[in-house]
N, C-alpha and C. Protein backbone atom coordinates (compact mmCIF):
# COMPACT_ATOMS: atom_id res chain seq x y z
N MET A 1 13.65 -19.84 -0.78
CA MET A 1 13.80 -18.85 0.26
C MET A 1 15.00 -17.95 -0.01
N THR A 2 16.06 -18.50 -0.55
CA THR A 2 17.27 -17.71 -0.80
C THR A 2 16.98 -16.55 -1.74
N ASN A 3 16.19 -16.78 -2.78
CA ASN A 3 15.86 -15.69 -3.71
C ASN A 3 15.13 -14.57 -3.00
N LYS A 4 14.20 -14.89 -2.13
CA LYS A 4 13.46 -13.86 -1.39
C LYS A 4 14.40 -13.09 -0.48
N VAL A 5 15.28 -13.78 0.20
CA VAL A 5 16.21 -13.10 1.10
C VAL A 5 17.09 -12.16 0.31
N SER A 6 17.62 -12.61 -0.83
CA SER A 6 18.49 -11.73 -1.61
C SER A 6 17.72 -10.57 -2.21
N GLU A 7 16.46 -10.77 -2.55
CA GLU A 7 15.65 -9.69 -3.11
C GLU A 7 15.32 -8.63 -2.06
N TYR A 8 15.00 -9.05 -0.86
CA TYR A 8 14.57 -8.12 0.18
C TYR A 8 15.69 -7.75 1.15
N GLY A 9 16.75 -8.51 1.18
CA GLY A 9 17.83 -8.24 2.11
C GLY A 9 17.49 -8.79 3.49
N ILE A 10 18.42 -8.65 4.42
CA ILE A 10 18.17 -9.18 5.75
C ILE A 10 17.98 -8.08 6.79
N CYS A 11 18.20 -6.83 6.40
CA CYS A 11 17.99 -5.71 7.31
C CYS A 11 16.51 -5.34 7.34
N PRO A 12 15.87 -5.30 8.50
CA PRO A 12 14.44 -4.99 8.55
C PRO A 12 14.11 -3.59 8.02
N PHE A 13 15.00 -2.63 8.21
CA PHE A 13 14.74 -1.28 7.72
C PHE A 13 14.80 -1.24 6.19
N ALA A 14 15.81 -1.90 5.62
CA ALA A 14 15.94 -1.95 4.17
C ALA A 14 14.77 -2.71 3.55
N THR A 15 14.33 -3.77 4.22
CA THR A 15 13.19 -4.54 3.72
C THR A 15 11.93 -3.69 3.71
N THR A 16 11.68 -2.97 4.79
CA THR A 16 10.50 -2.11 4.87
C THR A 16 10.58 -1.01 3.82
N GLN A 17 11.74 -0.42 3.67
CA GLN A 17 11.91 0.64 2.67
C GLN A 17 11.66 0.09 1.27
N ARG A 18 12.10 -1.12 0.99
CA ARG A 18 11.90 -1.71 -0.31
C ARG A 18 10.41 -1.94 -0.60
N VAL A 19 9.69 -2.38 0.41
CA VAL A 19 8.25 -2.61 0.23
C VAL A 19 7.52 -1.29 0.02
N LEU A 20 7.98 -0.23 0.66
CA LEU A 20 7.30 1.07 0.59
C LEU A 20 7.87 1.99 -0.49
N THR A 21 8.62 1.42 -1.42
CA THR A 21 9.22 2.21 -2.49
C THR A 21 8.13 2.86 -3.32
N GLY A 22 8.36 4.09 -3.68
CA GLY A 22 7.44 4.80 -4.56
C GLY A 22 6.61 5.81 -3.81
N LYS A 23 6.17 6.78 -4.55
CA LYS A 23 5.41 7.91 -3.99
C LYS A 23 4.07 7.48 -3.40
N TRP A 24 3.47 6.44 -3.93
CA TRP A 24 2.09 6.12 -3.61
C TRP A 24 1.89 4.96 -2.65
N ALA A 25 2.90 4.18 -2.35
CA ALA A 25 2.72 2.95 -1.57
C ALA A 25 2.04 3.20 -0.23
N LEU A 26 2.53 4.17 0.54
CA LEU A 26 1.95 4.43 1.86
C LEU A 26 0.48 4.84 1.78
N VAL A 27 0.15 5.71 0.83
CA VAL A 27 -1.24 6.18 0.77
C VAL A 27 -2.17 5.09 0.23
N ILE A 28 -1.67 4.22 -0.62
CA ILE A 28 -2.49 3.09 -1.08
C ILE A 28 -2.78 2.17 0.11
N ILE A 29 -1.74 1.86 0.88
CA ILE A 29 -1.93 1.00 2.05
C ILE A 29 -2.89 1.67 3.03
N TYR A 30 -2.74 2.96 3.24
CA TYR A 30 -3.65 3.68 4.14
C TYR A 30 -5.09 3.56 3.66
N GLN A 31 -5.34 3.84 2.39
CA GLN A 31 -6.71 3.78 1.87
C GLN A 31 -7.29 2.38 2.02
N LEU A 32 -6.48 1.36 1.79
CA LEU A 32 -6.98 -0.01 1.94
C LEU A 32 -7.14 -0.39 3.41
N SER A 33 -6.46 0.31 4.30
CA SER A 33 -6.62 0.01 5.73
C SER A 33 -8.00 0.43 6.23
N THR A 34 -8.69 1.27 5.47
CA THR A 34 -10.03 1.70 5.85
C THR A 34 -11.10 0.78 5.29
N GLY A 35 -10.69 -0.23 4.50
CA GLY A 35 -11.64 -1.19 3.97
C GLY A 35 -11.33 -1.59 2.54
N THR A 36 -11.99 -2.64 2.09
CA THR A 36 -11.82 -3.16 0.74
C THR A 36 -12.26 -2.12 -0.28
N LYS A 37 -11.50 -2.02 -1.37
CA LYS A 37 -11.81 -1.03 -2.41
C LYS A 37 -11.68 -1.67 -3.79
N ARG A 38 -12.45 -1.12 -4.72
CA ARG A 38 -12.28 -1.47 -6.13
C ARG A 38 -11.28 -0.50 -6.75
N PHE A 39 -10.77 -0.85 -7.92
CA PHE A 39 -9.72 -0.07 -8.56
C PHE A 39 -10.12 1.39 -8.76
N LYS A 40 -11.27 1.61 -9.36
CA LYS A 40 -11.70 2.99 -9.66
C LYS A 40 -11.92 3.79 -8.37
N GLU A 41 -12.39 3.13 -7.34
CA GLU A 41 -12.57 3.81 -6.05
C GLU A 41 -11.22 4.27 -5.50
N LEU A 42 -10.23 3.39 -5.57
CA LEU A 42 -8.88 3.77 -5.13
C LEU A 42 -8.36 4.94 -5.97
N GLN A 43 -8.58 4.87 -7.26
CA GLN A 43 -8.09 5.93 -8.15
C GLN A 43 -8.73 7.28 -7.79
N ARG A 44 -10.01 7.26 -7.45
CA ARG A 44 -10.70 8.51 -7.05
C ARG A 44 -10.15 9.04 -5.72
N LEU A 45 -9.78 8.15 -4.84
CA LEU A 45 -9.26 8.55 -3.53
C LEU A 45 -7.83 9.07 -3.58
N LEU A 46 -7.16 8.85 -4.70
CA LEU A 46 -5.76 9.24 -4.85
C LEU A 46 -5.61 10.20 -6.03
N PRO A 47 -6.04 11.44 -5.87
CA PRO A 47 -5.96 12.39 -6.97
C PRO A 47 -4.52 12.52 -7.47
N GLY A 48 -4.38 12.48 -8.77
CA GLY A 48 -3.06 12.64 -9.37
C GLY A 48 -2.38 11.34 -9.75
N ILE A 49 -2.90 10.21 -9.29
CA ILE A 49 -2.29 8.93 -9.65
C ILE A 49 -2.87 8.48 -10.99
N THR A 50 -2.01 7.96 -11.85
CA THR A 50 -2.49 7.46 -13.13
C THR A 50 -2.89 5.99 -12.99
N GLN A 51 -3.66 5.52 -13.94
CA GLN A 51 -4.10 4.13 -13.94
C GLN A 51 -2.87 3.20 -13.98
N THR A 52 -1.90 3.55 -14.81
CA THR A 52 -0.69 2.73 -14.95
C THR A 52 0.08 2.64 -13.64
N ILE A 53 0.27 3.77 -12.98
CA ILE A 53 1.03 3.79 -11.73
C ILE A 53 0.28 3.04 -10.63
N LEU A 54 -1.04 3.23 -10.54
CA LEU A 54 -1.82 2.52 -9.53
C LEU A 54 -1.73 1.01 -9.77
N THR A 55 -1.86 0.60 -11.02
CA THR A 55 -1.75 -0.82 -11.35
C THR A 55 -0.39 -1.37 -10.95
N ARG A 56 0.66 -0.63 -11.27
CA ARG A 56 2.02 -1.07 -10.95
C ARG A 56 2.20 -1.22 -9.43
N HIS A 57 1.73 -0.23 -8.68
CA HIS A 57 1.88 -0.29 -7.21
C HIS A 57 1.05 -1.43 -6.62
N LEU A 58 -0.18 -1.60 -7.09
CA LEU A 58 -1.01 -2.69 -6.56
C LEU A 58 -0.37 -4.05 -6.84
N ARG A 59 0.16 -4.22 -8.04
CA ARG A 59 0.81 -5.50 -8.38
C ARG A 59 2.02 -5.75 -7.48
N GLN A 60 2.81 -4.70 -7.25
CA GLN A 60 4.00 -4.86 -6.41
C GLN A 60 3.60 -5.15 -4.96
N LEU A 61 2.60 -4.44 -4.46
CA LEU A 61 2.14 -4.68 -3.09
C LEU A 61 1.53 -6.07 -2.95
N GLU A 62 0.91 -6.56 -4.01
CA GLU A 62 0.38 -7.92 -4.01
C GLU A 62 1.55 -8.92 -3.98
N LYS A 63 2.55 -8.67 -4.79
CA LYS A 63 3.74 -9.53 -4.80
C LYS A 63 4.42 -9.54 -3.43
N ASP A 64 4.41 -8.38 -2.76
CA ASP A 64 5.03 -8.26 -1.44
C ASP A 64 4.15 -8.78 -0.32
N LYS A 65 2.97 -9.31 -0.67
CA LYS A 65 2.03 -9.90 0.29
C LYS A 65 1.46 -8.89 1.29
N ILE A 66 1.31 -7.65 0.83
CA ILE A 66 0.70 -6.59 1.62
C ILE A 66 -0.76 -6.41 1.20
N VAL A 67 -1.02 -6.59 -0.10
CA VAL A 67 -2.35 -6.41 -0.68
C VAL A 67 -2.79 -7.72 -1.30
N GLN A 68 -4.09 -8.00 -1.17
CA GLN A 68 -4.64 -9.15 -1.88
C GLN A 68 -5.69 -8.67 -2.87
N ARG A 69 -5.76 -9.37 -3.98
CA ARG A 69 -6.66 -9.03 -5.07
C ARG A 69 -7.66 -10.17 -5.20
N LYS A 70 -8.94 -9.83 -5.19
CA LYS A 70 -9.97 -10.86 -5.32
C LYS A 70 -10.78 -10.58 -6.58
N VAL A 71 -10.83 -11.57 -7.47
CA VAL A 71 -11.56 -11.44 -8.73
C VAL A 71 -12.83 -12.27 -8.60
N TYR A 72 -13.96 -11.63 -8.88
CA TYR A 72 -15.25 -12.31 -8.83
C TYR A 72 -15.64 -12.73 -10.24
N ALA A 73 -16.16 -13.95 -10.35
CA ALA A 73 -16.58 -14.48 -11.65
C ALA A 73 -17.96 -13.93 -11.99
N GLU A 74 -17.99 -12.67 -12.38
CA GLU A 74 -19.25 -11.99 -12.72
C GLU A 74 -19.08 -11.29 -14.06
N VAL A 75 -20.20 -10.92 -14.65
CA VAL A 75 -20.19 -10.09 -15.85
C VAL A 75 -20.95 -8.83 -15.52
N PRO A 76 -20.34 -7.66 -15.62
CA PRO A 76 -18.91 -7.45 -15.90
C PRO A 76 -18.06 -7.89 -14.73
N PRO A 77 -16.78 -8.17 -15.00
CA PRO A 77 -15.90 -8.65 -13.94
C PRO A 77 -15.75 -7.63 -12.81
N ARG A 78 -15.61 -8.14 -11.61
CA ARG A 78 -15.43 -7.27 -10.44
C ARG A 78 -14.16 -7.71 -9.73
N VAL A 79 -13.30 -6.73 -9.44
CA VAL A 79 -12.05 -6.99 -8.75
C VAL A 79 -11.99 -6.08 -7.53
N GLU A 80 -11.64 -6.66 -6.39
CA GLU A 80 -11.52 -5.88 -5.15
C GLU A 80 -10.13 -6.06 -4.56
N TYR A 81 -9.67 -5.00 -3.92
CA TYR A 81 -8.36 -5.01 -3.27
C TYR A 81 -8.55 -4.80 -1.78
N SER A 82 -7.78 -5.54 -1.00
CA SER A 82 -7.82 -5.38 0.45
C SER A 82 -6.43 -5.71 0.99
N LEU A 83 -6.23 -5.42 2.25
CA LEU A 83 -4.95 -5.74 2.87
C LEU A 83 -4.92 -7.18 3.34
N THR A 84 -3.77 -7.79 3.21
CA THR A 84 -3.55 -9.11 3.78
C THR A 84 -3.41 -8.95 5.30
N GLU A 85 -3.25 -10.04 5.98
CA GLU A 85 -3.02 -9.96 7.43
C GLU A 85 -1.75 -9.14 7.72
N MET A 86 -0.70 -9.36 6.94
CA MET A 86 0.54 -8.60 7.13
C MET A 86 0.30 -7.12 6.83
N GLY A 87 -0.49 -6.84 5.82
CA GLY A 87 -0.82 -5.45 5.51
C GLY A 87 -1.62 -4.79 6.62
N GLN A 88 -2.53 -5.54 7.23
CA GLN A 88 -3.32 -5.00 8.34
C GLN A 88 -2.46 -4.72 9.56
N GLU A 89 -1.43 -5.54 9.76
CA GLU A 89 -0.52 -5.30 10.88
C GLU A 89 0.24 -3.99 10.70
N PHE A 90 0.34 -3.53 9.47
CA PHE A 90 1.05 -2.28 9.18
C PHE A 90 0.28 -1.06 9.66
N ARG A 91 -0.97 -1.23 10.04
CA ARG A 91 -1.80 -0.11 10.51
C ARG A 91 -1.14 0.62 11.69
N VAL A 92 -0.49 -0.11 12.56
CA VAL A 92 0.20 0.50 13.70
C VAL A 92 1.27 1.47 13.21
N VAL A 93 1.99 1.07 12.18
CA VAL A 93 3.02 1.93 11.59
C VAL A 93 2.37 3.15 10.95
N LEU A 94 1.27 2.96 10.25
CA LEU A 94 0.56 4.08 9.62
C LEU A 94 0.12 5.10 10.66
N ASP A 95 -0.38 4.62 11.78
CA ASP A 95 -0.80 5.54 12.85
C ASP A 95 0.38 6.37 13.34
N ALA A 96 1.53 5.72 13.52
CA ALA A 96 2.73 6.44 13.97
C ALA A 96 3.20 7.44 12.92
N VAL A 97 3.16 7.05 11.65
CA VAL A 97 3.57 7.95 10.56
C VAL A 97 2.63 9.15 10.49
N GLU A 98 1.33 8.90 10.66
CA GLU A 98 0.36 9.99 10.64
C GLU A 98 0.63 10.97 11.79
N LYS A 99 0.86 10.44 12.97
CA LYS A 99 1.14 11.29 14.13
C LYS A 99 2.40 12.12 13.89
N TRP A 100 3.45 11.49 13.41
CA TRP A 100 4.70 12.19 13.14
C TRP A 100 4.47 13.26 12.06
N GLY A 101 3.73 12.90 11.00
CA GLY A 101 3.46 13.85 9.92
C GLY A 101 2.72 15.08 10.40
N LEU A 102 1.73 14.89 11.27
CA LEU A 102 0.98 16.03 11.81
C LEU A 102 1.89 16.93 12.65
N GLU A 103 2.75 16.32 13.46
CA GLU A 103 3.68 17.11 14.27
C GLU A 103 4.68 17.86 13.38
N TYR A 104 5.11 17.23 12.32
CA TYR A 104 6.07 17.85 11.41
C TYR A 104 5.42 19.03 10.67
N ILE A 105 4.18 18.87 10.26
CA ILE A 105 3.46 19.97 9.60
C ILE A 105 3.36 21.17 10.53
N LYS A 106 3.06 20.91 11.81
CA LYS A 106 3.00 22.01 12.79
C LYS A 106 4.34 22.72 12.89
N LEU A 107 5.41 21.95 12.92
CA LEU A 107 6.75 22.53 12.99
C LEU A 107 7.04 23.41 11.78
N LEU A 108 6.64 22.96 10.61
CA LEU A 108 6.88 23.73 9.38
C LEU A 108 6.09 25.02 9.35
N GLU A 109 4.93 25.02 10.02
CA GLU A 109 4.07 26.21 10.03
C GLU A 109 4.55 27.27 11.01
N MET A 110 5.52 26.97 11.85
CA MET A 110 6.01 27.93 12.85
C MET A 110 6.84 29.01 12.19
């Protein structure tokens, strides 16, 4: 437990910021909040993201227990990504961020 505390810190804001590090974390979580996705589907939904960056973010979000990866024993192999219970709880935050973002866009357009 000590390693996790030192890695994430004890401040809830710093912990959240650490989990959401990177340009793509929020939008990946948002896309997965709409349902389970395969890698290529996520890549299509996120124009401009490279395969390497998507892989890196998914691995980190999986390590942070926000995303779960399910591998099916099929040929060809099938892998699906979805939100964990903790990731699904983040939907409330996403809704607030979306609302704030829309209001901010309106302000910028004035």
